[in-house]
Amino acid sequence: MSELHKEYPFIHIYAQHKVRQPVIIKANTEGLCVLLNAIISAIAQPECNGIAEVFDGDAEAYEVIVKVVNTHDELSPVPYQIAKQ
């Protein structure tokens, strides 16, 4: 197996498919730092989204968007509810 490049933020987030299923985040150190910065940005400026620009295991670039919400309605729908529809 080849090692992940240290200068690139790699993250893979495995979403829930069922109730109470854990969410798993796999990442290199750089990926976790970029995600942490996005979380801090979202907390510091709740009117804006925190954004982490990262790569998945296939080296495809994507964004992780961190939003601060204040109501249950803003959290809905959850992924496993969408799949049932």
N, C-alpha and C. Protein backbone atom coordinates (compact mmCIF):
# COMPACT_ATOMS: atom_id res chain seq x y z
N MET A 1 0.83 -1.19 0.00
CA MET A 1 0.00 0.00 0.00
C MET A 1 0.87 1.25 0.00
N SER A 2 0.46 2.22 -0.75
CA SER A 2 1.22 3.46 -0.77
C SER A 2 0.69 4.41 0.31
N GLU A 3 1.57 5.21 0.85
CA GLU A 3 1.17 6.18 1.87
C GLU A 3 0.49 7.38 1.21
N LEU A 4 -0.40 8.01 1.96
CA LEU A 4 -1.05 9.23 1.48
C LEU A 4 -0.04 10.36 1.49
N HIS A 5 -0.08 11.21 0.49
CA HIS A 5 0.81 12.36 0.44
C HIS A 5 0.50 13.27 1.62
N LYS A 6 1.52 13.62 2.37
CA LYS A 6 1.31 14.42 3.57
C LYS A 6 0.82 15.83 3.29
N GLU A 7 1.15 16.38 2.12
CA GLU A 7 0.75 17.76 1.83
C GLU A 7 -0.70 17.88 1.35
N TYR A 8 -1.35 16.77 1.03
CA TYR A 8 -2.74 16.81 0.56
C TYR A 8 -3.69 16.38 1.66
N PRO A 9 -4.78 17.14 1.87
CA PRO A 9 -5.75 16.75 2.90
C PRO A 9 -6.70 15.67 2.37
N PHE A 10 -6.53 14.45 2.85
CA PHE A 10 -7.40 13.34 2.46
C PHE A 10 -8.41 13.07 3.57
N ILE A 11 -9.68 13.01 3.20
CA ILE A 11 -10.75 12.68 4.15
C ILE A 11 -11.79 11.82 3.43
N HIS A 12 -12.27 10.80 4.12
CA HIS A 12 -13.44 10.07 3.65
C HIS A 12 -14.41 10.02 4.82
N ILE A 13 -15.64 10.49 4.59
CA ILE A 13 -16.67 10.51 5.61
C ILE A 13 -17.74 9.49 5.22
N TYR A 14 -17.92 8.51 6.07
CA TYR A 14 -18.92 7.46 5.81
C TYR A 14 -20.22 7.86 6.52
N ALA A 15 -21.25 8.16 5.75
CA ALA A 15 -22.52 8.62 6.31
C ALA A 15 -23.32 7.47 6.91
N GLN A 16 -24.26 7.83 7.76
CA GLN A 16 -25.18 6.85 8.33
C GLN A 16 -26.15 6.36 7.27
N HIS A 17 -26.49 5.09 7.33
CA HIS A 17 -27.53 4.54 6.46
C HIS A 17 -28.73 4.06 7.27
N LYS A 18 -28.51 3.94 8.60
CA LYS A 18 -29.57 3.51 9.50
C LYS A 18 -29.48 4.33 10.78
N VAL A 19 -30.57 4.34 11.54
CA VAL A 19 -30.60 5.01 12.83
C VAL A 19 -29.53 4.42 13.75
N ARG A 20 -28.87 5.27 14.49
CA ARG A 20 -27.86 4.91 15.48
C ARG A 20 -26.59 4.28 14.91
N GLN A 21 -26.45 4.26 13.61
CA GLN A 21 -25.23 3.76 13.01
C GLN A 21 -24.15 4.83 13.18
N PRO A 22 -22.93 4.45 13.53
CA PRO A 22 -21.90 5.48 13.70
C PRO A 22 -21.48 6.11 12.38
N VAL A 23 -21.05 7.35 12.46
CA VAL A 23 -20.43 8.02 11.33
C VAL A 23 -18.93 7.85 11.51
N ILE A 24 -18.25 7.44 10.48
CA ILE A 24 -16.81 7.22 10.55
C ILE A 24 -16.11 8.23 9.66
N ILE A 25 -15.11 8.89 10.20
CA ILE A 25 -14.28 9.81 9.43
C ILE A 25 -12.87 9.23 9.41
N LYS A 26 -12.37 8.96 8.21
CA LYS A 26 -11.00 8.51 8.04
C LYS A 26 -10.24 9.63 7.34
N ALA A 27 -9.08 9.99 7.86
CA ALA A 27 -8.34 11.12 7.29
C ALA A 27 -6.87 11.06 7.68
N ASN A 28 -6.05 11.72 6.86
CA ASN A 28 -4.68 11.93 7.28
C ASN A 28 -4.64 13.17 8.16
N THR A 29 -3.49 13.47 8.74
CA THR A 29 -3.38 14.60 9.66
C THR A 29 -3.76 15.92 8.99
N GLU A 30 -3.31 16.13 7.76
CA GLU A 30 -3.63 17.36 7.04
C GLU A 30 -5.14 17.48 6.83
N GLY A 31 -5.79 16.38 6.49
CA GLY A 31 -7.24 16.39 6.31
C GLY A 31 -7.98 16.75 7.58
N LEU A 32 -7.54 16.20 8.71
CA LEU A 32 -8.17 16.53 9.99
C LEU A 32 -7.95 18.00 10.35
N CYS A 33 -6.79 18.54 10.04
CA CYS A 33 -6.52 19.96 10.31
C CYS A 33 -7.42 20.86 9.47
N VAL A 34 -7.59 20.53 8.20
CA VAL A 34 -8.46 21.32 7.32
C VAL A 34 -9.90 21.25 7.81
N LEU A 35 -10.35 20.07 8.24
CA LEU A 35 -11.70 19.91 8.78
C LEU A 35 -11.85 20.71 10.08
N LEU A 36 -10.87 20.65 10.95
CA LEU A 36 -10.91 21.41 12.19
C LEU A 36 -10.99 22.91 11.92
N ASN A 37 -10.24 23.39 10.95
CA ASN A 37 -10.30 24.82 10.59
C ASN A 37 -11.68 25.20 10.07
N ALA A 38 -12.32 24.31 9.31
CA ALA A 38 -13.67 24.59 8.82
C ALA A 38 -14.67 24.65 9.98
N ILE A 39 -14.50 23.78 10.96
CA ILE A 39 -15.38 23.79 12.14
C ILE A 39 -15.18 25.09 12.92
N ILE A 40 -13.93 25.47 13.13
CA ILE A 40 -13.65 26.71 13.86
C ILE A 40 -14.20 27.92 13.12
N SER A 41 -14.06 27.95 11.80
CA SER A 41 -14.60 29.06 11.00
C SER A 41 -16.11 29.15 11.13
N ALA A 42 -16.79 28.01 11.10
CA ALA A 42 -18.25 27.99 11.22
C ALA A 42 -18.69 28.49 12.60
N ILE A 43 -17.94 28.14 13.64
CA ILE A 43 -18.28 28.61 14.99
C ILE A 43 -18.01 30.10 15.11
N ALA A 44 -16.88 30.55 14.58
CA ALA A 44 -16.50 31.97 14.70
C ALA A 44 -17.42 32.89 13.91
N GLN A 45 -17.90 32.39 12.76
CA GLN A 45 -18.78 33.20 11.90
C GLN A 45 -19.99 32.35 11.51
N PRO A 46 -20.96 32.20 12.42
CA PRO A 46 -22.10 31.32 12.16
C PRO A 46 -22.93 31.68 10.94
N GLU A 47 -22.86 32.94 10.49
CA GLU A 47 -23.62 33.33 9.30
C GLU A 47 -22.97 32.81 8.02
N CYS A 48 -21.75 32.34 8.12
CA CYS A 48 -21.03 31.78 6.96
C CYS A 48 -20.79 30.28 7.20
N ASN A 49 -20.59 29.55 6.15
CA ASN A 49 -20.26 28.13 6.27
C ASN A 49 -18.75 27.97 6.39
N GLY A 50 -18.33 26.98 7.18
CA GLY A 50 -16.94 26.58 7.16
C GLY A 50 -16.77 25.61 6.00
N ILE A 51 -15.70 25.74 5.24
CA ILE A 51 -15.50 24.87 4.09
C ILE A 51 -14.11 24.26 4.15
N ALA A 52 -14.07 22.94 4.01
CA ALA A 52 -12.81 22.21 3.93
C ALA A 52 -12.69 21.65 2.52
N GLU A 53 -11.68 22.04 1.79
CA GLU A 53 -11.43 21.50 0.46
C GLU A 53 -10.45 20.34 0.62
N VAL A 54 -10.94 19.13 0.30
CA VAL A 54 -10.19 17.91 0.59
C VAL A 54 -10.23 16.96 -0.60
N PHE A 55 -9.56 15.83 -0.46
CA PHE A 55 -9.54 14.77 -1.46
C PHE A 55 -10.04 13.49 -0.85
N ASP A 56 -10.73 12.67 -1.66
CA ASP A 56 -11.16 11.36 -1.18
C ASP A 56 -10.10 10.32 -1.53
N GLY A 57 -10.40 9.06 -1.26
CA GLY A 57 -9.45 7.98 -1.51
C GLY A 57 -9.08 7.80 -2.97
N ASP A 58 -9.92 8.30 -3.88
CA ASP A 58 -9.62 8.22 -5.32
C ASP A 58 -8.91 9.48 -5.81
N ALA A 59 -8.47 10.33 -4.89
CA ALA A 59 -7.81 11.59 -5.19
C ALA A 59 -8.71 12.57 -5.94
N GLU A 60 -10.02 12.43 -5.75
CA GLU A 60 -11.00 13.36 -6.31
C GLU A 60 -11.24 14.48 -5.30
N ALA A 61 -11.18 15.72 -5.75
CA ALA A 61 -11.40 16.86 -4.86
C ALA A 61 -12.89 17.04 -4.58
N TYR A 62 -13.21 17.41 -3.36
CA TYR A 62 -14.58 17.76 -2.99
C TYR A 62 -14.54 18.69 -1.79
N GLU A 63 -15.69 19.24 -1.41
CA GLU A 63 -15.78 20.14 -0.27
C GLU A 63 -16.59 19.50 0.85
N VAL A 64 -16.14 19.72 2.07
CA VAL A 64 -16.93 19.40 3.25
C VAL A 64 -17.42 20.74 3.77
N ILE A 65 -18.73 20.90 3.86
CA ILE A 65 -19.33 22.15 4.29
C ILE A 65 -19.83 21.98 5.72
N VAL A 66 -19.42 22.89 6.59
CA VAL A 66 -19.81 22.87 8.00
C VAL A 66 -20.75 24.05 8.23
N LYS A 67 -21.98 23.74 8.67
CA LYS A 67 -22.99 24.78 8.92
C LYS A 67 -23.40 24.75 10.38
N VAL A 68 -23.57 25.91 10.95
CA VAL A 68 -24.12 26.03 12.30
C VAL A 68 -25.63 26.16 12.15
N VAL A 69 -26.38 25.30 12.85
CA VAL A 69 -27.84 25.36 12.82
C VAL A 69 -28.37 25.55 14.24
N ASN A 70 -29.61 26.03 14.33
CA ASN A 70 -30.18 26.32 15.63
C ASN A 70 -31.49 25.60 15.92
N THR A 71 -32.02 24.89 14.93
CA THR A 71 -33.29 24.19 15.12
C THR A 71 -33.20 22.75 14.59
N HIS A 72 -34.10 21.91 15.07
CA HIS A 72 -34.17 20.54 14.56
C HIS A 72 -34.53 20.51 13.08
N ASP A 73 -35.39 21.44 12.67
CA ASP A 73 -35.80 21.48 11.26
C ASP A 73 -34.61 21.71 10.33
N GLU A 74 -33.63 22.48 10.78
CA GLU A 74 -32.46 22.75 9.95
C GLU A 74 -31.58 21.50 9.79
N LEU A 75 -31.72 20.54 10.68
CA LEU A 75 -30.95 19.29 10.59
C LEU A 75 -31.59 18.27 9.65
N SER A 76 -32.85 18.44 9.34
CA SER A 76 -33.58 17.45 8.53
C SER A 76 -33.45 17.74 7.06
N PRO A 77 -33.64 16.76 6.22
CA PRO A 77 -33.77 15.35 6.53
C PRO A 77 -32.40 14.70 6.68
N VAL A 78 -32.37 13.63 7.45
CA VAL A 78 -31.12 12.89 7.61
C VAL A 78 -30.99 11.87 6.49
N PRO A 79 -29.78 11.44 6.13
CA PRO A 79 -29.58 10.58 4.94
C PRO A 79 -30.43 9.31 4.93
N TYR A 80 -30.59 8.65 6.06
CA TYR A 80 -31.36 7.41 6.03
C TYR A 80 -32.85 7.67 5.87
N GLN A 81 -33.34 8.88 6.16
CA GLN A 81 -34.73 9.22 5.89
C GLN A 81 -34.95 9.47 4.41
N ILE A 82 -33.98 10.08 3.74
CA ILE A 82 -34.07 10.34 2.31
C ILE A 82 -34.13 9.02 1.54
N ALA A 83 -33.35 8.04 1.96
CA ALA A 83 -33.28 6.74 1.26
C ALA A 83 -34.62 6.01 1.30
N LYS A 84 -35.41 6.22 2.35
CA LYS A 84 -36.72 5.54 2.48
C LYS A 84 -37.76 6.13 1.55
N GLN A 85 -37.58 7.39 1.13
CA GLN A 85 -38.60 8.06 0.32
C GLN A 85 -38.62 7.58 -1.10
